[in-house]
Amino acid sequence: LKQMLTTVPTGTEVIDGYGLGIFETKLQNGVSIWGHSGGVPGFSTFAGGTLGGKHTLAINLNGHKTSRSDPFKNILLAEFSK
């Protein structure tokens, strides 16, 4: 687990650091979310939560991404601001 959570910078806005099969996303409210995403044409999925697993969420979106904004970050921010 320690190696999985040891991340390297990705240089992208969406993923702050990537470890061994898991990545960290820091939300605007300061909450760090750890998880993994994937997809096939027409579908995108993310599963993750706070470190320790006390608060988790799985998201599955269908449809084609038409904007530059990341819908996952918007959903995560809404859920993890509670």
PDB file of N, CA and C in Angstrom:
ATOM      1  N   LEU A   1       0.827  -1.190   0.000  1.00  0.00           N
ATOM      2  CA  LEU A   1       0.000   0.000   0.000  1.00  0.00           C
ATOM      3  C   LEU A   1       0.871   1.253   0.000  1.00  0.00           C
ATOM      4  N   LYS A   2       1.967   1.210   0.726  1.00  0.00           N
ATOM      5  CA  LYS A   2       2.851   2.379   0.772  1.00  0.00           C
ATOM      6  C   LYS A   2       3.356   2.731  -0.626  1.00  0.00           C
ATOM      7  N   GLN A   3       3.735   1.727  -1.414  1.00  0.00           N
ATOM      8  CA  GLN A   3       4.211   1.977  -2.772  1.00  0.00           C
ATOM      9  C   GLN A   3       3.087   2.484  -3.671  1.00  0.00           C
ATOM     10  N   MET A   4       1.875   1.982  -3.470  1.00  0.00           N
ATOM     11  CA  MET A   4       0.740   2.447  -4.272  1.00  0.00           C
ATOM     12  C   MET A   4       0.473   3.924  -4.030  1.00  0.00           C
ATOM     13  N   LEU A   5       0.659   4.375  -2.800  1.00  0.00           N
ATOM     14  CA  LEU A   5       0.360   5.756  -2.437  1.00  0.00           C
ATOM     15  C   LEU A   5       1.545   6.697  -2.632  1.00  0.00           C
ATOM     16  N   THR A   6       2.690   6.160  -3.043  1.00  0.00           N
ATOM     17  CA  THR A   6       3.842   7.001  -3.366  1.00  0.00           C
ATOM     18  C   THR A   6       3.693   7.417  -4.823  1.00  0.00           C
ATOM     19  N   THR A   7       3.346   8.668  -5.039  1.00  0.00           N
ATOM     20  CA  THR A   7       3.002   9.115  -6.387  1.00  0.00           C
ATOM     21  C   THR A   7       4.113   9.929  -7.032  1.00  0.00           C
ATOM     22  N   VAL A   8       4.023  10.021  -8.350  1.00  0.00           N
ATOM     23  CA  VAL A   8       4.889  10.898  -9.135  1.00  0.00           C
ATOM     24  C   VAL A   8       3.990  11.896  -9.852  1.00  0.00           C
ATOM     25  N   PRO A   9       4.465  13.115 -10.079  1.00  0.00           N
ATOM     26  CA  PRO A   9       3.640  14.122 -10.760  1.00  0.00           C
ATOM     27  C   PRO A   9       3.277  13.682 -12.177  1.00  0.00           C
ATOM     28  N   THR A  10       2.069  14.032 -12.604  1.00  0.00           N
ATOM     29  CA  THR A  10       1.626  13.682 -13.953  1.00  0.00           C
ATOM     30  C   THR A  10       1.699  14.854 -14.911  1.00  0.00           C
ATOM     31  N   GLY A  11       1.723  16.062 -14.372  1.00  0.00           N
ATOM     32  CA  GLY A  11       1.764  17.231 -15.233  1.00  0.00           C
ATOM     33  C   GLY A  11       0.425  17.567 -15.865  1.00  0.00           C
ATOM     34  N   THR A  12      -0.666  17.004 -15.323  1.00  0.00           N
ATOM     35  CA  THR A  12      -2.000  17.299 -15.846  1.00  0.00           C
ATOM     36  C   THR A  12      -2.833  17.985 -14.772  1.00  0.00           C
ATOM     37  N   GLU A  13      -3.917  18.614 -15.203  1.00  0.00           N
ATOM     38  CA  GLU A  13      -4.826  19.260 -14.253  1.00  0.00           C
ATOM     39  C   GLU A  13      -5.721  18.256 -13.542  1.00  0.00           C
ATOM     40  N   VAL A  14      -6.002  17.140 -14.178  1.00  0.00           N
ATOM     41  CA  VAL A  14      -6.976  16.184 -13.656  1.00  0.00           C
ATOM     42  C   VAL A  14      -6.372  15.305 -12.564  1.00  0.00           C
ATOM     43  N   ILE A  15      -5.178  14.797 -12.790  1.00  0.00           N
ATOM     44  CA  ILE A  15      -4.535  13.877 -11.849  1.00  0.00           C
ATOM     45  C   ILE A  15      -3.305  14.557 -11.270  1.00  0.00           C
ATOM     46  N   ASP A  16      -3.280  14.711  -9.952  1.00  0.00           N
ATOM     47  CA  ASP A  16      -2.158  15.394  -9.309  1.00  0.00           C
ATOM     48  C   ASP A  16      -0.929  14.505  -9.184  1.00  0.00           C
ATOM     49  N   GLY A  17      -1.113  13.240  -8.879  1.00  0.00           N
ATOM     50  CA  GLY A  17       0.000  12.307  -8.753  1.00  0.00           C
ATOM     51  C   GLY A  17      -0.473  10.896  -9.019  1.00  0.00           C
ATOM     52  N   TYR A  18       0.383  10.069  -9.637  1.00  0.00           N
ATOM     53  CA  TYR A  18      -0.003   8.696  -9.969  1.00  0.00           C
ATOM     54  C   TYR A  18       0.939   7.735  -9.275  1.00  0.00           C
ATOM     55  N   GLY A  19       0.359   6.720  -8.619  1.00  0.00           N
ATOM     56  CA  GLY A  19       1.132   5.676  -7.952  1.00  0.00           C
ATOM     57  C   GLY A  19       1.037   4.383  -8.745  1.00  0.00           C
ATOM     58  N   LEU A  20       1.080   3.254  -8.064  1.00  0.00           N
ATOM     59  CA  LEU A  20       0.972   1.954  -8.725  1.00  0.00           C
ATOM     60  C   LEU A  20      -0.497   1.569  -8.850  1.00  0.00           C
ATOM     61  N   GLY A  21      -1.150   2.017  -9.914  1.00  0.00           N
ATOM     62  CA  GLY A  21      -2.541   1.678 -10.166  1.00  0.00           C
ATOM     63  C   GLY A  21      -3.553   2.568  -9.481  1.00  0.00           C
ATOM     64  N   ILE A  22      -3.108   3.566  -8.767  1.00  0.00           N
ATOM     65  CA  ILE A  22      -4.014   4.460  -8.049  1.00  0.00           C
ATOM     66  C   ILE A  22      -3.485   5.886  -8.202  1.00  0.00           C
ATOM     67  N   PHE A  23      -4.397   6.838  -8.243  1.00  0.00           N
ATOM     68  CA  PHE A  23      -3.942   8.225  -8.344  1.00  0.00           C
ATOM     69  C   PHE A  23      -4.662   9.106  -7.344  1.00  0.00           C
ATOM     70  N   GLU A  24      -4.051  10.250  -7.089  1.00  0.00           N
ATOM     71  CA  GLU A  24      -4.607  11.221  -6.154  1.00  0.00           C
ATOM     72  C   GLU A  24      -5.119  12.431  -6.924  1.00  0.00           C
ATOM     73  N   THR A  25      -6.310  12.867  -6.572  1.00  0.00           N
ATOM     74  CA  THR A  25      -6.873  14.103  -7.095  1.00  0.00           C
ATOM     75  C   THR A  25      -7.168  15.005  -5.910  1.00  0.00           C
ATOM     76  N   LYS A  26      -6.625  16.212  -5.943  1.00  0.00           N
ATOM     77  CA  LYS A  26      -6.881  17.177  -4.869  1.00  0.00           C
ATOM     78  C   LYS A  26      -7.996  18.105  -5.329  1.00  0.00           C
ATOM     79  N   LEU A  27      -9.091  18.105  -4.584  1.00  0.00           N
ATOM     80  CA  LEU A  27     -10.236  18.939  -4.928  1.00  0.00           C
ATOM     81  C   LEU A  27     -10.006  20.376  -4.483  1.00  0.00           C
ATOM     82  N   GLN A  28     -10.802  21.288  -5.020  1.00  0.00           N
ATOM     83  CA  GLN A  28     -10.673  22.713  -4.703  1.00  0.00           C
ATOM     84  C   GLN A  28     -10.871  23.005  -3.218  1.00  0.00           C
ATOM     85  N   ASN A  29     -11.606  22.132  -2.524  1.00  0.00           N
ATOM     86  CA  ASN A  29     -11.855  22.354  -1.095  1.00  0.00           C
ATOM     87  C   ASN A  29     -10.763  21.744  -0.209  1.00  0.00           C
ATOM     88  N   GLY A  30      -9.687  21.217  -0.826  1.00  0.00           N
ATOM     89  CA  GLY A  30      -8.566  20.673  -0.078  1.00  0.00           C
ATOM     90  C   GLY A  30      -8.632  19.187   0.198  1.00  0.00           C
ATOM     91  N   VAL A  31      -9.737  18.522  -0.129  1.00  0.00           N
ATOM     92  CA  VAL A  31      -9.893  17.085   0.105  1.00  0.00           C
ATOM     93  C   VAL A  31      -9.109  16.309  -0.954  1.00  0.00           C
ATOM     94  N   SER A  32      -8.333  15.313  -0.519  1.00  0.00           N
ATOM     95  CA  SER A  32      -7.620  14.432  -1.441  1.00  0.00           C
ATOM     96  C   SER A  32      -8.445  13.179  -1.672  1.00  0.00           C
ATOM     97  N   ILE A  33      -8.664  12.853  -2.931  1.00  0.00           N
ATOM     98  CA  ILE A  33      -9.404  11.654  -3.318  1.00  0.00           C
ATOM     99  C   ILE A  33      -8.430  10.703  -4.002  1.00  0.00           C
ATOM    100  N   TRP A  34      -8.448   9.446  -3.575  1.00  0.00           N
ATOM    101  CA  TRP A  34      -7.606   8.409  -4.169  1.00  0.00           C
ATOM    102  C   TRP A  34      -8.502   7.455  -4.935  1.00  0.00           C
ATOM    103  N   GLY A  35      -8.106   7.071  -6.148  1.00  0.00           N
ATOM    104  CA  GLY A  35      -8.938   6.161  -6.906  1.00  0.00           C
ATOM    105  C   GLY A  35      -8.316   5.736  -8.213  1.00  0.00           C
ATOM    106  N   HIS A  36      -9.164   5.205  -9.059  1.00  0.00           N
ATOM    107  CA  HIS A  36      -8.742   4.718 -10.379  1.00  0.00           C
ATOM    108  C   HIS A  36      -9.891   4.936 -11.347  1.00  0.00           C
ATOM    109  N   SER A  37      -9.551   5.229 -12.582  1.00  0.00           N
ATOM    110  CA  SER A  37     -10.584   5.444 -13.598  1.00  0.00           C
ATOM    111  C   SER A  37     -10.307   4.568 -14.807  1.00  0.00           C
ATOM    112  N   GLY A  38     -11.294   4.470 -15.650  1.00  0.00           N
ATOM    113  CA  GLY A  38     -11.150   3.694 -16.871  1.00  0.00           C
ATOM    114  C   GLY A  38     -12.340   3.937 -17.767  1.00  0.00           C
ATOM    115  N   GLY A  39     -12.377   3.230 -18.863  1.00  0.00           N
ATOM    116  CA  GLY A  39     -13.511   3.395 -19.750  1.00  0.00           C
ATOM    117  C   GLY A  39     -13.336   2.660 -21.060  1.00  0.00           C
ATOM    118  N   VAL A  40     -14.404   2.628 -21.783  1.00  0.00           N
ATOM    119  CA  VAL A  40     -14.464   2.117 -23.148  1.00  0.00           C
ATOM    120  C   VAL A  40     -15.213   3.170 -23.949  1.00  0.00           C
ATOM    121  N   PRO A  41     -15.172   3.112 -25.271  1.00  0.00           N
ATOM    122  CA  PRO A  41     -15.875   4.137 -26.048  1.00  0.00           C
ATOM    123  C   PRO A  41     -17.327   4.311 -25.593  1.00  0.00           C
ATOM    124  N   GLY A  42     -17.661   5.535 -25.205  1.00  0.00           N
ATOM    125  CA  GLY A  42     -19.015   5.851 -24.772  1.00  0.00           C
ATOM    126  C   GLY A  42     -19.245   5.785 -23.275  1.00  0.00           C
ATOM    127  N   PHE A  43     -18.301   5.249 -22.523  1.00  0.00           N
ATOM    128  CA  PHE A  43     -18.453   5.119 -21.074  1.00  0.00           C
ATOM    129  C   PHE A  43     -17.161   5.504 -20.362  1.00  0.00           C
ATOM    130  N   SER A  44     -17.296   6.173 -19.228  1.00  0.00           N
ATOM    131  CA  SER A  44     -16.159   6.513 -18.372  1.00  0.00           C
ATOM    132  C   SER A  44     -16.535   6.168 -16.937  1.00  0.00           C
ATOM    133  N   THR A  45     -15.580   5.626 -16.187  1.00  0.00           N
ATOM    134  CA  THR A  45     -15.839   5.188 -14.819  1.00  0.00           C
ATOM    135  C   THR A  45     -14.747   5.686 -13.883  1.00  0.00           C
ATOM    136  N   PHE A  46     -15.133   6.011 -12.663  1.00  0.00           N
ATOM    137  CA  PHE A  46     -14.179   6.345 -11.605  1.00  0.00           C
ATOM    138  C   PHE A  46     -14.682   5.710 -10.319  1.00  0.00           C
ATOM    139  N   ALA A  47     -13.769   5.131  -9.556  1.00  0.00           N
ATOM    140  CA  ALA A  47     -14.087   4.620  -8.220  1.00  0.00           C
ATOM    141  C   ALA A  47     -12.986   5.087  -7.287  1.00  0.00           C
ATOM    142  N   GLY A  48     -13.373   5.628  -6.149  1.00  0.00           N
ATOM    143  CA  GLY A  48     -12.367   6.099  -5.209  1.00  0.00           C
ATOM    144  C   GLY A  48     -12.986   6.720  -3.985  1.00  0.00           C
ATOM    145  N   GLY A  49     -12.138   7.332  -3.187  1.00  0.00           N
ATOM    146  CA  GLY A  49     -12.611   7.972  -1.973  1.00  0.00           C
ATOM    147  C   GLY A  49     -11.470   8.523  -1.157  1.00  0.00           C
ATOM    148  N   THR A  50     -11.791   8.882   0.069  1.00  0.00           N
ATOM    149  CA  THR A  50     -10.775   9.423   0.963  1.00  0.00           C
ATOM    150  C   THR A  50      -9.855   8.304   1.435  1.00  0.00           C
ATOM    151  N   LEU A  51      -8.644   8.669   1.800  1.00  0.00           N
ATOM    152  CA  LEU A  51      -7.676   7.698   2.288  1.00  0.00           C
ATOM    153  C   LEU A  51      -8.245   7.017   3.529  1.00  0.00           C
ATOM    154  N   GLY A  52      -8.223   5.711   3.556  1.00  0.00           N
ATOM    155  CA  GLY A  52      -8.800   4.963   4.667  1.00  0.00           C
ATOM    156  C   GLY A  52     -10.163   4.387   4.333  1.00  0.00           C
ATOM    157  N   GLY A  53     -10.812   4.911   3.278  1.00  0.00           N
ATOM    158  CA  GLY A  53     -12.063   4.347   2.791  1.00  0.00           C
ATOM    159  C   GLY A  53     -13.314   4.719   3.556  1.00  0.00           C
ATOM    160  N   LYS A  54     -13.259   5.724   4.416  1.00  0.00           N
ATOM    161  CA  LYS A  54     -14.452   6.098   5.178  1.00  0.00           C
ATOM    162  C   LYS A  54     -15.540   6.701   4.291  1.00  0.00           C
ATOM    163  N   HIS A  55     -15.144   7.389   3.240  1.00  0.00           N
ATOM    164  CA  HIS A  55     -16.097   8.034   2.327  1.00  0.00           C
ATOM    165  C   HIS A  55     -15.681   7.669   0.905  1.00  0.00           C
ATOM    166  N   THR A  56     -16.508   6.880   0.213  1.00  0.00           N
ATOM    167  CA  THR A  56     -16.181   6.416  -1.134  1.00  0.00           C
ATOM    168  C   THR A  56     -17.312   6.728  -2.100  1.00  0.00           C
ATOM    169  N   LEU A  57     -16.986   6.643  -3.381  1.00  0.00           N
ATOM    170  CA  LEU A  57     -17.966   6.928  -4.423  1.00  0.00           C
ATOM    171  C   LEU A  57     -17.548   6.218  -5.702  1.00  0.00           C
ATOM    172  N   ALA A  58     -18.510   5.670  -6.422  1.00  0.00           N
ATOM    173  CA  ALA A  58     -18.277   5.105  -7.753  1.00  0.00           C
ATOM    174  C   ALA A  58     -19.142   5.875  -8.740  1.00  0.00           C
ATOM    175  N   ILE A  59     -18.553   6.249  -9.868  1.00  0.00           N
ATOM    176  CA  ILE A  59     -19.252   7.038 -10.884  1.00  0.00           C
ATOM    177  C   ILE A  59     -19.122   6.325 -12.220  1.00  0.00           C
ATOM    178  N   ASN A  60     -20.220   6.231 -12.953  1.00  0.00           N
ATOM    179  CA  ASN A  60     -20.197   5.711 -14.317  1.00  0.00           C
ATOM    180  C   ASN A  60     -20.952   6.698 -15.195  1.00  0.00           C
ATOM    181  N   LEU A  61     -20.289   7.233 -16.194  1.00  0.00           N
ATOM    182  CA  LEU A  61     -20.907   8.190 -17.108  1.00  0.00           C
ATOM    183  C   LEU A  61     -20.981   7.582 -18.498  1.00  0.00           C
ATOM    184  N   ASN A  62     -22.114   7.794 -19.157  1.00  0.00           N
ATOM    185  CA  ASN A  62     -22.189   7.376 -20.549  1.00  0.00           C
ATOM    186  C   ASN A  62     -22.343   8.617 -21.413  1.00  0.00           C
ATOM    187  N   GLY A  63     -21.904   8.522 -22.616  1.00  0.00           N
ATOM    188  CA  GLY A  63     -21.957   9.659 -23.522  1.00  0.00           C
ATOM    189  C   GLY A  63     -20.566  10.097 -23.912  1.00  0.00           C
ATOM    190  N   HIS A  64     -20.516  10.964 -24.881  1.00  0.00           N
ATOM    191  CA  HIS A  64     -19.245  11.451 -25.400  1.00  0.00           C
ATOM    192  C   HIS A  64     -18.878  12.753 -24.705  1.00  0.00           C
ATOM    193  N   LYS A  65     -17.653  12.875 -24.292  1.00  0.00           N
ATOM    194  CA  LYS A  65     -17.179  14.097 -23.637  1.00  0.00           C
ATOM    195  C   LYS A  65     -17.125  15.222 -24.676  1.00  0.00           C
ATOM    196  N   THR A  66     -17.920  16.264 -24.452  1.00  0.00           N
ATOM    197  CA  THR A  66     -17.990  17.335 -25.435  1.00  0.00           C
ATOM    198  C   THR A  66     -17.335  18.622 -24.970  1.00  0.00           C
ATOM    199  N   SER A  67     -16.978  18.702 -23.697  1.00  0.00           N
ATOM    200  CA  SER A  67     -16.366  19.936 -23.203  1.00  0.00           C
ATOM    201  C   SER A  67     -15.005  19.624 -22.602  1.00  0.00           C
ATOM    202  N   ARG A  68     -14.247  20.660 -22.343  1.00  0.00           N
ATOM    203  CA  ARG A  68     -12.924  20.483 -21.757  1.00  0.00           C
ATOM    204  C   ARG A  68     -12.998  20.303 -20.245  1.00  0.00           C
ATOM    205  N   SER A  69     -14.130  20.629 -19.644  1.00  0.00           N
ATOM    206  CA  SER A  69     -14.241  20.478 -18.191  1.00  0.00           C
ATOM    207  C   SER A  69     -14.326  19.002 -17.824  1.00  0.00           C
ATOM    208  N   ASP A  70     -13.867  18.682 -16.647  1.00  0.00           N
ATOM    209  CA  ASP A  70     -13.856  17.299 -16.183  1.00  0.00           C
ATOM    210  C   ASP A  70     -15.087  17.040 -15.325  1.00  0.00           C
ATOM    211  N   PRO A  71     -16.066  16.287 -15.836  1.00  0.00           N
ATOM    212  CA  PRO A  71     -17.281  16.052 -15.048  1.00  0.00           C
ATOM    213  C   PRO A  71     -17.004  15.292 -13.754  1.00  0.00           C
ATOM    214  N   PHE A  72     -15.984  14.444 -13.727  1.00  0.00           N
ATOM    215  CA  PHE A  72     -15.670  13.707 -12.513  1.00  0.00           C
ATOM    216  C   PHE A  72     -15.308  14.657 -11.375  1.00  0.00           C
ATOM    217  N   LYS A  73     -14.482  15.662 -11.655  1.00  0.00           N
ATOM    218  CA  LYS A  73     -14.088  16.596 -10.590  1.00  0.00           C
ATOM    219  C   LYS A  73     -15.293  17.350 -10.047  1.00  0.00           C
ATOM    220  N   ASN A  74     -16.229  17.717 -10.909  1.00  0.00           N
ATOM    221  CA  ASN A  74     -17.431  18.420 -10.451  1.00  0.00           C
ATOM    222  C   ASN A  74     -18.279  17.530  -9.547  1.00  0.00           C
ATOM    223  N   ILE A  75     -18.439  16.276  -9.917  1.00  0.00           N
ATOM    224  CA  ILE A  75     -19.217  15.328  -9.110  1.00  0.00           C
ATOM    225  C   ILE A  75     -18.502  15.061  -7.784  1.00  0.00           C
ATOM    226  N   LEU A  76     -17.191  14.842  -7.841  1.00  0.00           N
ATOM    227  CA  LEU A  76     -16.419  14.591  -6.619  1.00  0.00           C
ATOM    228  C   LEU A  76     -16.486  15.779  -5.671  1.00  0.00           C
ATOM    229  N   LEU A  77     -16.375  16.976  -6.210  1.00  0.00           N
ATOM    230  CA  LEU A  77     -16.436  18.169  -5.366  1.00  0.00           C
ATOM    231  C   LEU A  77     -17.799  18.287  -4.686  1.00  0.00           C
ATOM    232  N   ALA A  78     -18.866  17.997  -5.424  1.00  0.00           N
ATOM    233  CA  ALA A  78     -20.210  18.053  -4.833  1.00  0.00           C
ATOM    234  C   ALA A  78     -20.364  17.008  -3.725  1.00  0.00           C
ATOM    235  N   GLU A  79     -19.883  15.791  -3.956  1.00  0.00           N
ATOM    236  CA  GLU A  79     -20.034  14.717  -2.972  1.00  0.00           C
ATOM    237  C   GLU A  79     -19.141  14.918  -1.747  1.00  0.00           C
ATOM    238  N   PHE A  80     -17.906  15.312  -1.962  1.00  0.00           N
ATOM    239  CA  PHE A  80     -16.951  15.388  -0.859  1.00  0.00           C
ATOM    240  C   PHE A  80     -16.892  16.772  -0.222  1.00  0.00           C
ATOM    241  N   SER A  81     -17.910  17.584  -0.471  1.00  0.00           N
ATOM    242  CA  SER A  81     -18.057  18.864   0.228  1.00  0.00           C
ATOM    243  C   SER A  81     -19.101  18.755   1.325  1.00  0.00           C
ATOM    244  N   LYS A  82     -19.675  17.577   1.496  1.00  0.00           N
ATOM    245  CA  LYS A  82     -20.735  17.361   2.488  1.00  0.00           C
ATOM    246  C   LYS A  82     -20.162  17.279   3.886  1.00  0.00           C
TER     247      LYS A  82
END
